[in-house]
Amino acid sequence: MSGGLPLLLLGGFLLGGAWSVWQLDAESGGRTGPQVAFAVILLVAAVLASAAGVLRLV
């Protein structure tokens, strides 16, 4: 296995985690600063892992 597919799967997993953290308190009044920071960090990690996976597949 070239390593591209596991990186794409990791990117999808991190993207799902970012979405889950972002939606955690959406209906109860708002998001806290650390919650937003953690969601952004997970989103950046997901984008980097997905981009690395695509580049390894190419």
Protein backbone atom coordinates (compact mmCIF):
# COMPACT_ATOMS: atom_id res chain seq x y z
CA MET A 1 0.00 0.00 0.00
CA SER A 2 1.42 3.34 -1.01
CA GLY A 3 0.22 5.33 1.99
CA GLY A 4 -2.18 7.52 0.07
CA LEU A 5 -5.36 5.71 0.97
CA PRO A 6 -4.72 5.64 4.75
CA LEU A 7 -3.99 9.36 4.65
CA LEU A 8 -7.26 10.00 2.85
CA LEU A 9 -9.11 7.93 5.42
CA LEU A 10 -7.39 9.81 8.23
CA GLY A 11 -8.38 13.10 6.60
CA GLY A 12 -12.00 11.99 6.44
CA PHE A 13 -11.93 10.89 10.06
CA LEU A 14 -10.49 14.25 11.16
CA LEU A 15 -13.03 16.12 9.05
CA GLY A 16 -15.82 14.20 10.76
CA GLY A 17 -14.32 15.07 14.13
CA ALA A 18 -14.16 18.74 13.24
CA TRP A 19 -17.81 18.68 12.16
CA SER A 20 -18.80 16.90 15.36
CA VAL A 21 -17.02 19.45 17.55
CA TRP A 22 -18.50 22.33 15.54
CA GLN A 23 -22.06 21.00 15.96
CA LEU A 24 -21.66 20.17 19.65
CA ASP A 25 -23.33 23.29 21.09
CA ALA A 26 -24.99 24.78 18.02
CA GLU A 27 -28.51 24.52 19.42
CA SER A 28 -27.75 25.34 23.05
CA GLY A 29 -26.59 28.91 22.71
CA GLY A 30 -23.21 29.16 21.08
CA ARG A 31 -19.70 27.91 20.85
CA THR A 32 -16.86 28.57 23.24
CA GLY A 33 -13.44 29.83 22.16
CA PRO A 34 -11.59 26.56 22.84
CA GLN A 35 -14.28 24.63 20.97
CA VAL A 36 -13.83 26.81 17.88
CA ALA A 37 -10.03 26.55 18.14
CA PHE A 38 -10.17 22.76 18.38
CA ALA A 39 -12.53 22.52 15.41
CA VAL A 40 -10.22 24.73 13.33
CA ILE A 41 -7.17 22.66 14.30
CA LEU A 42 -8.98 19.46 13.32
CA LEU A 43 -10.06 21.04 10.03
CA VAL A 44 -6.51 22.10 9.17
CA ALA A 45 -5.20 18.63 10.04
CA ALA A 46 -7.90 17.04 7.86
CA VAL A 47 -7.02 19.24 4.89
CA LEU A 48 -3.30 18.51 5.28
CA ALA A 49 -3.83 14.75 5.59
CA SER A 50 -6.18 14.68 2.60
CA ALA A 51 -3.82 16.73 0.45
CA ALA A 52 -0.91 14.49 1.38
CA GLY A 53 -2.96 11.42 0.54
CA VAL A 54 -3.92 12.78 -2.86
CA LEU A 55 -0.32 13.73 -3.61
CA ARG A 56 0.90 10.26 -2.65
CA LEU A 57 -1.67 8.67 -4.96
CA VAL A 58 -0.66 10.83 -7.91
